[in-house]
Amino acid sequence: MATLTQESLWELIHTLGWDVSRDEIVLEVGGVATSGIKQPPDANPKWAKQIGTTTYQKDAFIVIKNVSRSPFEPSKPNEQIDDDKST
């Protein structure tokens, strides 16, 4: 596995053809758990995290997304199925 450097990140961005001045690039973290359960005040905080508490797993990872290059396209109906229904 290669060591990440700022230079290698710029090289990768260039290889992908991303334009950092125009594209919307976001960083996201995966391997995250956020508690959605309201705990009683006397609950053990090690096992029963309070609502809204975010914990990062040991194998958490960073995702770099170019949102500008991810166009939303709704799914299209299967034309063959539509043709079968009309007969």
N, C-alpha and C. Protein backbone atom coordinates (compact mmCIF):
# COMPACT_ATOMS: atom_id res chain seq x y z
N MET A 1 0.85 -1.18 0.00
CA MET A 1 0.00 0.00 0.00
C MET A 1 0.89 1.24 0.00
N ALA A 2 0.54 2.20 -0.84
CA ALA A 2 1.34 3.42 -0.96
C ALA A 2 0.99 4.39 0.17
N THR A 3 2.00 5.15 0.56
CA THR A 3 1.79 6.18 1.56
C THR A 3 1.14 7.39 0.91
N LEU A 4 0.11 7.91 1.54
CA LEU A 4 -0.58 9.07 0.99
C LEU A 4 0.21 10.33 1.29
N THR A 5 0.48 11.08 0.26
CA THR A 5 1.11 12.39 0.43
C THR A 5 0.24 13.40 -0.30
N GLN A 6 0.46 14.64 0.00
CA GLN A 6 -0.30 15.68 -0.69
C GLN A 6 -0.01 15.63 -2.19
N GLU A 7 1.23 15.38 -2.52
CA GLU A 7 1.60 15.29 -3.94
C GLU A 7 0.88 14.13 -4.64
N SER A 8 0.82 12.96 -3.99
CA SER A 8 0.14 11.82 -4.61
C SER A 8 -1.36 12.07 -4.75
N LEU A 9 -1.94 12.81 -3.81
CA LEU A 9 -3.36 13.15 -3.92
C LEU A 9 -3.59 14.07 -5.12
N TRP A 10 -2.74 15.06 -5.30
CA TRP A 10 -2.88 15.95 -6.46
C TRP A 10 -2.70 15.19 -7.77
N GLU A 11 -1.76 14.24 -7.79
CA GLU A 11 -1.55 13.43 -8.99
C GLU A 11 -2.79 12.61 -9.31
N LEU A 12 -3.40 12.04 -8.29
CA LEU A 12 -4.62 11.26 -8.49
C LEU A 12 -5.76 12.13 -9.00
N ILE A 13 -5.92 13.31 -8.43
CA ILE A 13 -6.96 14.24 -8.89
C ILE A 13 -6.73 14.59 -10.35
N HIS A 14 -5.48 14.83 -10.73
CA HIS A 14 -5.14 15.14 -12.13
C HIS A 14 -5.44 13.94 -13.04
N THR A 15 -5.07 12.73 -12.58
CA THR A 15 -5.31 11.51 -13.36
C THR A 15 -6.81 11.32 -13.63
N LEU A 16 -7.63 11.62 -12.63
CA LEU A 16 -9.08 11.47 -12.77
C LEU A 16 -9.71 12.58 -13.61
N GLY A 17 -8.95 13.64 -13.88
CA GLY A 17 -9.47 14.74 -14.69
C GLY A 17 -10.38 15.67 -13.93
N TRP A 18 -10.26 15.68 -12.60
CA TRP A 18 -11.09 16.56 -11.79
C TRP A 18 -10.55 17.98 -11.84
N ASP A 19 -11.46 18.95 -11.78
CA ASP A 19 -11.09 20.37 -11.77
C ASP A 19 -11.48 20.91 -10.39
N VAL A 20 -10.50 21.05 -9.51
CA VAL A 20 -10.80 21.44 -8.13
C VAL A 20 -11.36 22.85 -8.01
N SER A 21 -11.18 23.68 -9.03
CA SER A 21 -11.72 25.04 -8.96
C SER A 21 -13.19 25.09 -9.39
N ARG A 22 -13.67 24.06 -10.11
CA ARG A 22 -15.06 24.07 -10.59
C ARG A 22 -15.91 22.92 -10.05
N ASP A 23 -15.28 21.75 -9.86
CA ASP A 23 -16.03 20.58 -9.39
C ASP A 23 -16.33 20.69 -7.90
N GLU A 24 -17.47 20.12 -7.51
CA GLU A 24 -17.83 20.07 -6.09
C GLU A 24 -17.28 18.76 -5.52
N ILE A 25 -16.21 18.89 -4.75
CA ILE A 25 -15.54 17.73 -4.16
C ILE A 25 -15.82 17.74 -2.66
N VAL A 26 -16.30 16.60 -2.14
CA VAL A 26 -16.63 16.51 -0.73
C VAL A 26 -15.88 15.34 -0.09
N LEU A 27 -15.63 15.46 1.20
CA LEU A 27 -15.03 14.38 1.98
C LEU A 27 -16.10 13.80 2.88
N GLU A 28 -16.18 12.48 2.92
CA GLU A 28 -17.12 11.79 3.79
C GLU A 28 -16.35 10.74 4.57
N VAL A 29 -16.86 10.40 5.74
CA VAL A 29 -16.22 9.38 6.58
C VAL A 29 -17.14 8.18 6.64
N GLY A 30 -16.60 7.00 6.36
CA GLY A 30 -17.34 5.75 6.49
C GLY A 30 -16.84 5.01 7.72
N GLY A 31 -17.62 4.04 8.19
CA GLY A 31 -17.24 3.32 9.40
C GLY A 31 -17.57 4.12 10.64
N VAL A 32 -18.75 4.76 10.59
CA VAL A 32 -19.18 5.64 11.66
C VAL A 32 -20.52 5.14 12.19
N ALA A 33 -20.70 5.23 13.49
CA ALA A 33 -22.00 4.88 14.09
C ALA A 33 -22.48 6.06 14.91
N THR A 34 -23.74 6.44 14.72
CA THR A 34 -24.34 7.51 15.50
C THR A 34 -25.52 6.94 16.26
N SER A 35 -25.52 7.15 17.55
CA SER A 35 -26.58 6.61 18.40
C SER A 35 -27.89 7.35 18.12
N GLY A 36 -28.95 6.58 17.98
CA GLY A 36 -30.27 7.17 17.75
C GLY A 36 -31.25 6.81 18.84
N ILE A 37 -30.74 6.32 19.97
CA ILE A 37 -31.61 5.88 21.06
C ILE A 37 -31.39 6.76 22.28
N LYS A 38 -32.48 7.27 22.83
CA LYS A 38 -32.39 8.08 24.05
C LYS A 38 -32.18 7.13 25.23
N GLN A 39 -31.08 7.33 25.95
CA GLN A 39 -30.73 6.47 27.07
C GLN A 39 -31.13 7.13 28.39
N PRO A 40 -31.43 6.32 29.40
CA PRO A 40 -31.70 6.90 30.73
C PRO A 40 -30.41 7.52 31.28
N PRO A 41 -30.52 8.51 32.15
CA PRO A 41 -29.33 9.21 32.65
C PRO A 41 -28.33 8.30 33.38
N ASP A 42 -28.80 7.21 33.97
CA ASP A 42 -27.91 6.34 34.73
C ASP A 42 -27.33 5.20 33.90
N ALA A 43 -27.52 5.22 32.59
CA ALA A 43 -27.01 4.15 31.71
C ALA A 43 -25.49 4.22 31.64
N ASN A 44 -24.85 3.07 31.52
CA ASN A 44 -23.40 2.99 31.40
C ASN A 44 -22.99 3.61 30.07
N PRO A 45 -22.24 4.72 30.08
CA PRO A 45 -21.89 5.41 28.82
C PRO A 45 -21.00 4.58 27.89
N LYS A 46 -20.30 3.57 28.43
CA LYS A 46 -19.46 2.73 27.57
C LYS A 46 -20.32 1.88 26.64
N TRP A 47 -21.45 1.41 27.11
CA TRP A 47 -22.29 0.50 26.33
C TRP A 47 -23.55 1.15 25.80
N ALA A 48 -24.01 2.20 26.43
CA ALA A 48 -25.26 2.86 26.02
C ALA A 48 -24.97 4.33 25.74
N LYS A 49 -24.52 4.61 24.53
CA LYS A 49 -24.17 5.98 24.15
C LYS A 49 -25.43 6.85 24.10
N GLN A 50 -25.29 8.09 24.53
CA GLN A 50 -26.40 9.03 24.50
C GLN A 50 -26.78 9.35 23.06
N ILE A 51 -28.03 9.73 22.83
CA ILE A 51 -28.53 10.02 21.49
C ILE A 51 -27.67 11.10 20.83
N GLY A 52 -27.33 10.86 19.58
CA GLY A 52 -26.52 11.81 18.82
C GLY A 52 -25.02 11.62 18.96
N THR A 53 -24.59 10.69 19.81
CA THR A 53 -23.16 10.44 19.98
C THR A 53 -22.61 9.72 18.75
N THR A 54 -21.54 10.24 18.20
CA THR A 54 -20.91 9.64 17.02
C THR A 54 -19.61 8.96 17.44
N THR A 55 -19.46 7.70 17.03
CA THR A 55 -18.23 6.97 17.30
C THR A 55 -17.65 6.50 15.97
N TYR A 56 -16.34 6.51 15.89
CA TYR A 56 -15.64 6.09 14.68
C TYR A 56 -15.05 4.71 14.93
N GLN A 57 -15.32 3.78 14.04
CA GLN A 57 -14.81 2.42 14.17
C GLN A 57 -13.30 2.41 13.91
N LYS A 58 -12.63 1.37 14.36
CA LYS A 58 -11.18 1.26 14.15
C LYS A 58 -10.82 1.21 12.68
N ASP A 59 -11.74 0.69 11.85
CA ASP A 59 -11.45 0.59 10.42
C ASP A 59 -12.18 1.68 9.62
N ALA A 60 -12.42 2.83 10.24
CA ALA A 60 -13.08 3.94 9.55
C ALA A 60 -12.24 4.35 8.34
N PHE A 61 -12.90 4.94 7.36
CA PHE A 61 -12.20 5.33 6.14
C PHE A 61 -12.74 6.64 5.61
N ILE A 62 -11.95 7.28 4.77
CA ILE A 62 -12.32 8.57 4.18
C ILE A 62 -12.65 8.35 2.71
N VAL A 63 -13.76 8.95 2.27
CA VAL A 63 -14.18 8.86 0.88
C VAL A 63 -14.10 10.26 0.29
N ILE A 64 -13.44 10.37 -0.86
CA ILE A 64 -13.37 11.65 -1.57
C ILE A 64 -14.29 11.52 -2.78
N LYS A 65 -15.34 12.34 -2.81
CA LYS A 65 -16.33 12.25 -3.89
C LYS A 65 -16.32 13.52 -4.72
N ASN A 66 -16.45 13.34 -6.02
CA ASN A 66 -16.65 14.46 -6.91
C ASN A 66 -18.14 14.45 -7.26
N VAL A 67 -18.90 15.20 -6.50
CA VAL A 67 -20.36 15.21 -6.64
C VAL A 67 -20.77 15.77 -8.00
N SER A 68 -19.96 16.64 -8.56
CA SER A 68 -20.27 17.23 -9.86
C SER A 68 -20.30 16.19 -10.98
N ARG A 69 -19.59 15.09 -10.79
CA ARG A 69 -19.50 14.06 -11.82
C ARG A 69 -20.43 12.88 -11.55
N SER A 70 -21.35 13.05 -10.62
CA SER A 70 -22.31 12.00 -10.29
C SER A 70 -23.72 12.48 -10.61
N PRO A 71 -24.07 12.52 -11.89
CA PRO A 71 -25.40 13.03 -12.23
C PRO A 71 -26.49 12.09 -11.74
N PHE A 72 -27.58 12.69 -11.31
CA PHE A 72 -28.73 11.90 -10.86
C PHE A 72 -29.55 11.54 -12.08
N GLU A 73 -29.78 10.27 -12.26
CA GLU A 73 -30.62 9.80 -13.36
C GLU A 73 -31.65 8.84 -12.78
N PRO A 74 -32.92 9.21 -12.80
CA PRO A 74 -33.93 8.30 -12.27
C PRO A 74 -33.99 7.03 -13.12
N SER A 75 -34.39 5.94 -12.50
CA SER A 75 -34.50 4.69 -13.24
C SER A 75 -35.61 4.80 -14.28
N LYS A 76 -35.45 4.07 -15.35
CA LYS A 76 -36.43 4.12 -16.44
C LYS A 76 -37.20 2.80 -16.44
N PRO A 77 -38.48 2.85 -16.79
CA PRO A 77 -39.26 1.62 -16.84
C PRO A 77 -38.71 0.67 -17.91
N ASN A 78 -38.85 -0.61 -17.66
CA ASN A 78 -38.42 -1.62 -18.61
C ASN A 78 -39.43 -1.62 -19.76
N GLU A 79 -38.98 -1.24 -20.95
CA GLU A 79 -39.87 -1.11 -22.11
C GLU A 79 -40.50 -2.46 -22.49
N GLN A 80 -39.74 -3.53 -22.32
CA GLN A 80 -40.24 -4.86 -22.68
C GLN A 80 -41.42 -5.23 -21.78
N ILE A 81 -41.34 -4.93 -20.51
CA ILE A 81 -42.45 -5.23 -19.60
C ILE A 81 -43.65 -4.38 -19.96
N ASP A 82 -43.44 -3.09 -20.25
CA ASP A 82 -44.54 -2.21 -20.63
C ASP A 82 -45.22 -2.71 -21.89
N ASP A 83 -44.43 -3.21 -22.87
CA ASP A 83 -45.01 -3.73 -24.12
C ASP A 83 -45.84 -4.98 -23.85
N ASP A 84 -45.38 -5.84 -22.94
CA ASP A 84 -46.12 -7.07 -22.60
C ASP A 84 -47.47 -6.76 -21.98
N LYS A 85 -47.54 -5.70 -21.19
CA LYS A 85 -48.78 -5.33 -20.51
C LYS A 85 -49.82 -4.82 -21.50
N SER A 86 -49.37 -4.20 -22.57
CA SER A 86 -50.32 -3.61 -23.52
C SER A 86 -50.93 -4.63 -24.47
N THR A 87 -50.37 -5.83 -24.51
CA THR A 87 -50.92 -6.84 -25.42
C THR A 87 -51.91 -7.74 -24.75
